[in-house]
PDB file of N, CA and C in Angstrom:
ATOM      1  N   MET A   1     -17.665-135.663 -18.075  1.00  0.00           N
ATOM      2  CA  MET A   1     -16.573-135.505 -18.884  1.00  0.00           C
ATOM      3  C   MET A   1     -16.553-134.179 -19.478  1.00  0.00           C
ATOM      4  N   ASN A   2     -15.459-133.453 -19.443  1.00  0.00           N
ATOM      5  CA  ASN A   2     -15.251-132.181 -20.115  1.00  0.00           C
ATOM      6  C   ASN A   2     -14.740-132.372 -21.475  1.00  0.00           C
ATOM      7  N   PRO A   3     -15.458-131.936 -22.508  1.00  0.00           N
ATOM      8  CA  PRO A   3     -14.942-132.217 -23.902  1.00  0.00           C
ATOM      9  C   PRO A   3     -13.806-131.374 -24.286  1.00  0.00           C
ATOM     10  N   THR A   4     -13.474-130.256 -23.598  1.00  0.00           N
ATOM     11  CA  THR A   4     -12.426-129.411 -24.010  1.00  0.00           C
ATOM     12  C   THR A   4     -11.352-129.387 -22.882  1.00  0.00           C
ATOM     13  N   CYS A   5     -10.200-129.153 -23.345  1.00  0.00           N
ATOM     14  CA  CYS A   5      -9.036-129.085 -22.418  1.00  0.00           C
ATOM     15  C   CYS A   5      -9.162-127.845 -21.456  1.00  0.00           C
ATOM     16  N   THR A   6      -8.641-127.888 -20.361  1.00  0.00           N
ATOM     17  CA  THR A   6      -8.807-126.797 -19.386  1.00  0.00           C
ATOM     18  C   THR A   6      -7.864-125.611 -19.575  1.00  0.00           C
ATOM     19  N   ASN A   7      -6.835-125.721 -20.304  1.00  0.00           N
ATOM     20  CA  ASN A   7      -6.025-124.550 -20.457  1.00  0.00           C
ATOM     21  C   ASN A   7      -6.734-123.653 -21.478  1.00  0.00           C
ATOM     22  N   GLY A   8      -6.730-122.346 -21.247  1.00  0.00           N
ATOM     23  CA  GLY A   8      -7.626-121.419 -21.944  1.00  0.00           C
ATOM     24  C   GLY A   8      -7.064-120.771 -23.242  1.00  0.00           C
ATOM     25  N   SER A   9      -6.010-121.237 -23.852  1.00  0.00           N
ATOM     26  CA  SER A   9      -5.465-120.635 -25.058  1.00  0.00           C
ATOM     27  C   SER A   9      -6.324-120.848 -26.268  1.00  0.00           C
ATOM     28  N   ALA A  10      -6.264-119.888 -27.164  1.00  0.00           N
ATOM     29  CA  ALA A  10      -6.922-120.092 -28.435  1.00  0.00           C
ATOM     30  C   ALA A  10      -5.900-120.876 -29.361  1.00  0.00           C
ATOM     31  N   PRO A  11      -6.190-121.571 -30.260  1.00  0.00           N
ATOM     32  CA  PRO A  11      -7.626-121.984 -30.815  1.00  0.00           C
ATOM     33  C   PRO A  11      -8.241-122.971 -29.954  1.00  0.00           C
ATOM     34  N   PRO A  12      -9.486-123.392 -30.272  1.00  0.00           N
ATOM     35  CA  PRO A  12     -10.227-124.355 -29.465  1.00  0.00           C
ATOM     36  C   PRO A  12      -9.366-125.667 -29.324  1.00  0.00           C
ATOM     37  N   GLN A  13      -9.521-126.179 -28.166  1.00  0.00           N
ATOM     38  CA  GLN A  13      -8.866-127.462 -27.799  1.00  0.00           C
ATOM     39  C   GLN A  13      -9.891-128.487 -27.406  1.00  0.00           C
ATOM     40  N   VAL A  14      -9.652-129.671 -27.868  1.00  0.00           N
ATOM     41  CA  VAL A  14     -10.567-130.797 -27.630  1.00  0.00           C
ATOM     42  C   VAL A  14      -9.759-132.001 -27.123  1.00  0.00           C
ATOM     43  N   CYS A  15     -10.365-132.775 -26.308  1.00  0.00           N
ATOM     44  CA  CYS A  15      -9.676-134.045 -25.836  1.00  0.00           C
ATOM     45  C   CYS A  15      -9.711-135.148 -26.932  1.00  0.00           C
ATOM     46  N   ASP A  16      -8.672-135.950 -26.823  1.00  0.00           N
ATOM     47  CA  ASP A  16      -8.496-136.984 -27.861  1.00  0.00           C
ATOM     48  C   ASP A  16      -9.439-138.084 -27.854  1.00  0.00           C
ATOM     49  N   ASP A  17     -10.365-138.093 -26.821  1.00  0.00           N
ATOM     50  CA  ASP A  17     -11.334-139.180 -26.842  1.00  0.00           C
ATOM     51  C   ASP A  17     -12.630-138.719 -27.568  1.00  0.00           C
ATOM     52  N   MET A  18     -12.614-137.502 -28.127  1.00  0.00           N
ATOM     53  CA  MET A  18     -13.758-136.989 -28.932  1.00  0.00           C
ATOM     54  C   MET A  18     -13.789-137.749 -30.246  1.00  0.00           C
ATOM     55  N   THR A  19     -15.075-137.998 -30.661  1.00  0.00           N
ATOM     56  CA  THR A  19     -15.216-138.668 -32.002  1.00  0.00           C
ATOM     57  C   THR A  19     -14.902-137.651 -33.143  1.00  0.00           C
ATOM     58  N   VAL A  20     -14.572-138.107 -34.314  1.00  0.00           N
ATOM     59  CA  VAL A  20     -14.351-137.301 -35.474  1.00  0.00           C
ATOM     60  C   VAL A  20     -15.603-136.434 -35.758  1.00  0.00           C
ATOM     61  N   GLU A  21     -16.770-137.051 -35.697  1.00  0.00           N
ATOM     62  CA  GLU A  21     -17.954-136.267 -36.057  1.00  0.00           C
ATOM     63  C   GLU A  21     -18.245-135.149 -35.112  1.00  0.00           C
ATOM     64  N   VAL A  22     -18.021-135.404 -33.743  1.00  0.00           N
ATOM     65  CA  VAL A  22     -18.242-134.340 -32.762  1.00  0.00           C
ATOM     66  C   VAL A  22     -17.171-133.285 -32.994  1.00  0.00           C
ATOM     67  N   ALA A  23     -15.925-133.653 -33.318  1.00  0.00           N
ATOM     68  CA  ALA A  23     -14.882-132.654 -33.505  1.00  0.00           C
ATOM     69  C   ALA A  23     -15.243-131.750 -34.671  1.00  0.00           C
ATOM     70  N   LEU A  24     -15.843-132.281 -35.732  1.00  0.00           N
ATOM     71  CA  LEU A  24     -16.234-131.568 -36.882  1.00  0.00           C
ATOM     72  C   LEU A  24     -17.348-130.574 -36.456  1.00  0.00           C
ATOM     73  N   ALA A  25     -18.255-131.013 -35.645  1.00  0.00           N
ATOM     74  CA  ALA A  25     -19.398-130.066 -35.102  1.00  0.00           C
ATOM     75  C   ALA A  25     -18.776-129.002 -34.299  1.00  0.00           C
ATOM     76  N   VAL A  26     -17.839-129.319 -33.392  1.00  0.00           N
ATOM     77  CA  VAL A  26     -17.190-128.285 -32.585  1.00  0.00           C
ATOM     78  C   VAL A  26     -16.470-127.304 -33.444  1.00  0.00           C
ATOM     79  N   MET A  27     -15.839-127.772 -34.435  1.00  0.00           N
ATOM     80  CA  MET A  27     -15.098-126.831 -35.374  1.00  0.00           C
ATOM     81  C   MET A  27     -16.048-125.982 -36.147  1.00  0.00           C
ATOM     82  N   ALA A  28     -17.141-126.476 -36.541  1.00  0.00           N
ATOM     83  CA  ALA A  28     -18.278-125.693 -37.209  1.00  0.00           C
ATOM     84  C   ALA A  28     -18.764-124.664 -36.296  1.00  0.00           C
ATOM     85  N   GLY A  29     -19.073-125.071 -35.015  1.00  0.00           N
ATOM     86  CA  GLY A  29     -19.685-124.083 -34.068  1.00  0.00           C
ATOM     87  C   GLY A  29     -18.703-123.040 -33.733  1.00  0.00           C
ATOM     88  N   ALA A  30     -17.426-123.342 -33.643  1.00  0.00           N
ATOM     89  CA  ALA A  30     -16.359-122.355 -33.296  1.00  0.00           C
ATOM     90  C   ALA A  30     -15.949-121.517 -34.474  1.00  0.00           C
ATOM     91  N   HIS A  31     -16.454-121.820 -35.650  1.00  0.00           N
ATOM     92  CA  HIS A  31     -16.053-121.071 -36.939  1.00  0.00           C
ATOM     93  C   HIS A  31     -14.585-121.127 -37.106  1.00  0.00           C
ATOM     94  N   THR A  32     -13.927-122.232 -36.968  1.00  0.00           N
ATOM     95  CA  THR A  32     -12.516-122.373 -37.097  1.00  0.00           C
ATOM     96  C   THR A  32     -12.149-123.495 -38.013  1.00  0.00           C
ATOM     97  N   GLY A  33     -10.947-123.477 -38.522  1.00  0.00           N
ATOM     98  CA  GLY A  33     -10.559-124.511 -39.544  1.00  0.00           C
ATOM     99  C   GLY A  33      -9.739-125.629 -38.862  1.00  0.00           C
ATOM    100  N   HIS A  34      -9.367-125.361 -37.631  1.00  0.00           N
ATOM    101  CA  HIS A  34      -8.518-126.398 -36.923  1.00  0.00           C
ATOM    102  C   HIS A  34      -8.818-126.443 -35.437  1.00  0.00           C
ATOM    103  N   LEU A  35      -8.389-127.550 -34.809  1.00  0.00           N
ATOM    104  CA  LEU A  35      -8.522-127.666 -33.380  1.00  0.00           C
ATOM    105  C   LEU A  35      -7.283-128.331 -32.846  1.00  0.00           C
ATOM    106  N   ARG A  36      -6.843-127.928 -31.672  1.00  0.00           N
ATOM    107  CA  ARG A  36      -5.748-128.519 -30.956  1.00  0.00           C
ATOM    108  C   ARG A  36      -6.356-129.772 -30.241  1.00  0.00           C
ATOM    109  N   VAL A  37      -5.612-130.835 -30.259  1.00  0.00           N
ATOM    110  CA  VAL A  37      -5.997-132.052 -29.620  1.00  0.00           C
ATOM    111  C   VAL A  37      -5.103-132.306 -28.347  1.00  0.00           C
ATOM    112  N   CYS A  38      -5.798-132.629 -27.211  1.00  0.00           N
ATOM    113  CA  CYS A  38      -5.007-132.787 -25.991  1.00  0.00           C
ATOM    114  C   CYS A  38      -5.383-134.202 -25.415  1.00  0.00           C
ATOM    115  N   ASP A  39      -4.510-134.691 -24.513  1.00  0.00           N
ATOM    116  CA  ASP A  39      -4.734-135.962 -23.895  1.00  0.00           C
ATOM    117  C   ASP A  39      -5.457-135.767 -22.570  1.00  0.00           C
ATOM    118  N   ASN A  40      -5.639-136.820 -21.817  1.00  0.00           N
ATOM    119  CA  ASN A  40      -6.362-136.702 -20.549  1.00  0.00           C
ATOM    120  C   ASN A  40      -5.625-135.884 -19.418  1.00  0.00           C
ATOM    121  N   ASP A  41      -4.337-135.618 -19.714  1.00  0.00           N
ATOM    122  CA  ASP A  41      -3.517-134.842 -18.808  1.00  0.00           C
ATOM    123  C   ASP A  41      -3.453-133.334 -19.259  1.00  0.00           C
ATOM    124  N   ASP A  42      -4.344-132.966 -20.219  1.00  0.00           N
ATOM    125  CA  ASP A  42      -4.461-131.664 -20.777  1.00  0.00           C
ATOM    126  C   ASP A  42      -3.181-131.244 -21.454  1.00  0.00           C
ATOM    127  N   GLN A  43      -2.420-132.193 -21.917  1.00  0.00           N
ATOM    128  CA  GLN A  43      -1.200-131.915 -22.790  1.00  0.00           C
ATOM    129  C   GLN A  43      -1.519-131.963 -24.201  1.00  0.00           C
ATOM    130  N   CYS A  44      -1.276-130.882 -24.901  1.00  0.00           N
ATOM    131  CA  CYS A  44      -1.609-130.842 -26.341  1.00  0.00           C
ATOM    132  C   CYS A  44      -0.746-131.819 -27.137  1.00  0.00           C
ATOM    133  N   THR A  45      -1.360-132.668 -27.894  1.00  0.00           N
ATOM    134  CA  THR A  45      -0.721-133.737 -28.611  1.00  0.00           C
ATOM    135  C   THR A  45      -0.691-133.529 -30.122  1.00  0.00           C
ATOM    136  N   GLY A  46      -1.502-132.636 -30.659  1.00  0.00           N
ATOM    137  CA  GLY A  46      -1.540-132.381 -32.088  1.00  0.00           C
ATOM    138  C   GLY A  46      -2.537-131.395 -32.471  1.00  0.00           C
ATOM    139  N   LEU A  47      -2.627-131.224 -33.725  1.00  0.00           N
ATOM    140  CA  LEU A  47      -3.524-130.238 -34.373  1.00  0.00           C
ATOM    141  C   LEU A  47      -4.239-130.999 -35.524  1.00  0.00           C
ATOM    142  N   VAL A  48      -5.538-130.869 -35.645  1.00  0.00           N
ATOM    143  CA  VAL A  48      -6.273-131.424 -36.719  1.00  0.00           C
ATOM    144  C   VAL A  48      -7.025-130.290 -37.468  1.00  0.00           C
ATOM    145  N   THR A  49      -7.137-130.479 -38.776  1.00  0.00           N
ATOM    146  CA  THR A  49      -7.868-129.504 -39.581  1.00  0.00           C
ATOM    147  C   THR A  49      -9.182-130.051 -40.036  1.00  0.00           C
ATOM    148  N   GLY A  50     -10.080-129.200 -40.437  1.00  0.00           N
ATOM    149  CA  GLY A  50     -11.348-129.663 -40.915  1.00  0.00           C
ATOM    150  C   GLY A  50     -11.212-130.569 -42.155  1.00  0.00           C
ATOM    151  N   ALA A  51     -10.227-130.170 -42.925  1.00  0.00           N
ATOM    152  CA  ALA A  51      -9.977-130.980 -44.182  1.00  0.00           C
ATOM    153  C   ALA A  51      -9.491-132.423 -43.895  1.00  0.00           C
ATOM    154  N   GLN A  52      -8.650-132.552 -42.788  1.00  0.00           N
ATOM    155  CA  GLN A  52      -8.218-133.873 -42.370  1.00  0.00           C
ATOM    156  C   GLN A  52      -9.369-134.688 -41.893  1.00  0.00           C
ATOM    157  N   LEU A  53     -10.203-133.996 -41.078  1.00  0.00           N
ATOM    158  CA  LEU A  53     -11.312-134.741 -40.491  1.00  0.00           C
ATOM    159  C   LEU A  53     -12.298-135.143 -41.550  1.00  0.00           C
ATOM    160  N   THR A  54     -12.514-134.241 -42.443  1.00  0.00           N
ATOM    161  CA  THR A  54     -13.572-134.567 -43.513  1.00  0.00           C
ATOM    162  C   THR A  54     -13.023-135.740 -44.437  1.00  0.00           C
ATOM    163  N   THR A  55     -11.712-135.757 -44.715  1.00  0.00           N
ATOM    164  CA  THR A  55     -11.140-136.856 -45.378  1.00  0.00           C
ATOM    165  C   THR A  55     -11.292-138.172 -44.750  1.00  0.00           C
ATOM    166  N   VAL A  56     -11.108-138.213 -43.406  1.00  0.00           N
ATOM    167  CA  VAL A  56     -11.265-139.370 -42.653  1.00  0.00           C
ATOM    168  C   VAL A  56     -12.740-139.800 -42.640  1.00  0.00           C
ATOM    169  N   ARG A  57     -13.626-138.813 -42.387  1.00  0.00           N
ATOM    170  CA  ARG A  57     -15.064-139.175 -42.354  1.00  0.00           C
ATOM    171  C   ARG A  57     -15.542-139.705 -43.696  1.00  0.00           C
ATOM    172  N   ASP A  58     -15.009-139.229 -44.797  1.00  0.00           N
ATOM    173  CA  ASP A  58     -15.446-139.658 -46.112  1.00  0.00           C
ATOM    174  C   ASP A  58     -14.781-140.957 -46.562  1.00  0.00           C
ATOM    175  N   SER A  59     -13.834-141.507 -45.802  1.00  0.00           N
ATOM    176  CA  SER A  59     -13.111-142.697 -46.224  1.00  0.00           C
ATOM    177  C   SER A  59     -13.968-143.990 -45.967  1.00  0.00           C
ATOM    178  N   ALA A  60     -13.607-144.995 -46.660  1.00  0.00           N
ATOM    179  CA  ALA A  60     -14.318-146.306 -46.514  1.00  0.00           C
ATOM    180  C   ALA A  60     -14.050-146.867 -45.152  1.00  0.00           C
ATOM    181  N   ALA A  61     -12.937-146.527 -44.450  1.00  0.00           N
ATOM    182  CA  ALA A  61     -12.670-147.151 -43.181  1.00  0.00           C
ATOM    183  C   ALA A  61     -13.272-146.438 -42.021  1.00  0.00           C
ATOM    184  N   TYR A  62     -14.060-145.286 -42.294  1.00  0.00           N
ATOM    185  CA  TYR A  62     -14.611-144.501 -41.190  1.00  0.00           C
ATOM    186  C   TYR A  62     -15.758-145.237 -40.506  1.00  0.00           C
ATOM    187  N   THR A  63     -15.807-145.150 -39.201  1.00  0.00           N
ATOM    188  CA  THR A  63     -16.945-145.535 -38.334  1.00  0.00           C
ATOM    189  C   THR A  63     -17.358-144.429 -37.467  1.00  0.00           C
ATOM    190  N   ASP A  64     -18.479-144.334 -36.923  1.00  0.00           N
ATOM    191  CA  ASP A  64     -18.915-143.278 -36.079  1.00  0.00           C
ATOM    192  C   ASP A  64     -18.283-143.395 -34.654  1.00  0.00           C
ATOM    193  N   GLN A  65     -17.436-144.493 -34.423  1.00  0.00           N
ATOM    194  CA  GLN A  65     -16.785-144.655 -33.128  1.00  0.00           C
ATOM    195  C   GLN A  65     -15.338-144.187 -33.224  1.00  0.00           C
ATOM    196  N   LEU A  66     -14.884-143.788 -34.390  1.00  0.00           N
ATOM    197  CA  LEU A  66     -13.510-143.328 -34.513  1.00  0.00           C
ATOM    198  C   LEU A  66     -13.173-142.028 -33.759  1.00  0.00           C
ATOM    199  N   ARG A  67     -12.185-142.163 -32.929  1.00  0.00           N
ATOM    200  CA  ARG A  67     -11.851-140.958 -32.063  1.00  0.00           C
ATOM    201  C   ARG A  67     -10.599-140.337 -32.537  1.00  0.00           C
ATOM    202  N   LEU A  68     -10.414-139.099 -32.044  1.00  0.00           N
ATOM    203  CA  LEU A  68      -9.242-138.343 -32.540  1.00  0.00           C
ATOM    204  C   LEU A  68      -7.919-139.026 -32.150  1.00  0.00           C
ATOM    205  N   ARG A  69      -7.914-139.722 -31.024  1.00  0.00           N
ATOM    206  CA  ARG A  69      -6.655-140.412 -30.678  1.00  0.00           C
ATOM    207  C   ARG A  69      -6.362-141.575 -31.590  1.00  0.00           C
ATOM    208  N   ASP A  70      -7.372-141.995 -32.382  1.00  0.00           N
ATOM    209  CA  ASP A  70      -7.146-143.123 -33.352  1.00  0.00           C
ATOM    210  C   ASP A  70      -6.470-142.595 -34.594  1.00  0.00           C
ATOM    211  N   LEU A  71      -6.436-141.309 -34.823  1.00  0.00           N
ATOM    212  CA  LEU A  71      -5.819-140.667 -35.955  1.00  0.00           C
ATOM    213  C   LEU A  71      -4.377-140.575 -35.680  1.00  0.00           C
ATOM    214  N   SER A  72      -3.473-141.028 -36.485  1.00  0.00           N
ATOM    215  CA  SER A  72      -2.052-141.003 -36.313  1.00  0.00           C
ATOM    216  C   SER A  72      -1.332-140.632 -37.507  1.00  0.00           C
ATOM    217  N   PRO A  73      -0.615-139.548 -37.496  1.00  0.00           N
ATOM    218  CA  PRO A  73      -0.456-138.536 -36.390  1.00  0.00           C
ATOM    219  C   PRO A  73      -1.572-137.580 -36.516  1.00  0.00           C
ATOM    220  N   HIS A  74      -1.754-136.711 -35.483  1.00  0.00           N
ATOM    221  CA  HIS A  74      -2.829-135.716 -35.433  1.00  0.00           C
ATOM    222  C   HIS A  74      -2.534-134.623 -36.434  1.00  0.00           C
ATOM    223  N   GLY A  75      -1.429-134.604 -37.081  1.00  0.00           N
ATOM    224  CA  GLY A  75      -1.059-133.559 -37.985  1.00  0.00           C
ATOM    225  C   GLY A  75       0.070-132.714 -37.406  1.00  0.00           C
ATOM    226  N   PRO A  76       0.162-131.459 -37.794  1.00  0.00           N
ATOM    227  CA  PRO A  76       1.286-130.729 -37.304  1.00  0.00           C
ATOM    228  C   PRO A  76       1.284-130.625 -35.798  1.00  0.00           C
ATOM    229  N   SER A  77       2.385-130.563 -35.264  1.00  0.00           N
ATOM    230  CA  SER A  77       2.524-130.606 -33.751  1.00  0.00           C
ATOM    231  C   SER A  77       1.934-129.406 -33.150  1.00  0.00           C
ATOM    232  N   ALA A  78       1.216-129.616 -32.026  1.00  0.00           N
ATOM    233  CA  ALA A  78       0.641-128.478 -31.298  1.00  0.00           C
ATOM    234  C   ALA A  78       1.535-128.116 -30.055  1.00  0.00           C
ATOM    235  N   SER A  79       2.565-128.899 -29.872  1.00  0.00           N
ATOM    236  CA  SER A  79       3.463-128.695 -28.777  1.00  0.00           C
ATOM    237  C   SER A  79       4.832-128.249 -29.265  1.00  0.00           C
ATOM    238  N   SER A  80       5.458-127.304 -28.672  1.00  0.00           N
ATOM    239  CA  SER A  80       6.795-126.865 -29.077  1.00  0.00           C
ATOM    240  C   SER A  80       7.858-127.859 -28.815  1.00  0.00           C
ATOM    241  N   THR A  81       7.574-128.868 -27.976  1.00  0.00           N
ATOM    242  CA  THR A  81       8.659-129.899 -27.693  1.00  0.00           C
ATOM    243  C   THR A  81       8.396-131.142 -28.500  1.00  0.00           C
ATOM    244  N   ALA A  82       7.297-131.279 -29.165  1.00  0.00           N
ATOM    245  CA  ALA A  82       7.155-132.471 -30.068  1.00  0.00           C
ATOM    246  C   ALA A  82       7.740-132.237 -31.437  1.00  0.00           C
ATOM    247  N   PRO A  83       8.247-133.215 -32.090  1.00  0.00           N
ATOM    248  CA  PRO A  83       8.773-133.026 -33.440  1.00  0.00           C
ATOM    249  C   PRO A  83       7.699-132.648 -34.411  1.00  0.00           C
ATOM    250  N   ARG A  84       7.996-131.817 -35.320  1.00  0.00           N
ATOM    251  CA  ARG A  84       7.076-131.340 -36.356  1.00  0.00           C
ATOM    252  C   ARG A  84       7.049-132.293 -37.442  1.00  0.00           C
ATOM    253  N   THR A  85       5.884-132.490 -38.077  1.00  0.00           N
ATOM    254  CA  THR A  85       5.745-133.435 -39.195  1.00  0.00           C
ATOM    255  C   THR A  85       5.460-132.633 -40.463  1.00  0.00           C
TER     256      THR A  85
END
């Protein structure tokens, strides 16, 4: 399994099956405050920030099995065709 999407644009992109904890580690390693989230077809579906992920991780409902695709919505749209929130 490739944890990052194959299109090479910045900022870092991760697949939606990644756990919140791993996404936070990727974000820390990349020294960035946000990640684009993509699906299994390498289509970007959203953007998550470190603050959003930290809030989720610190919540009472958090488990170490929580994946980015479980977060709804992913935050501001990463796709120009998707509606912005």
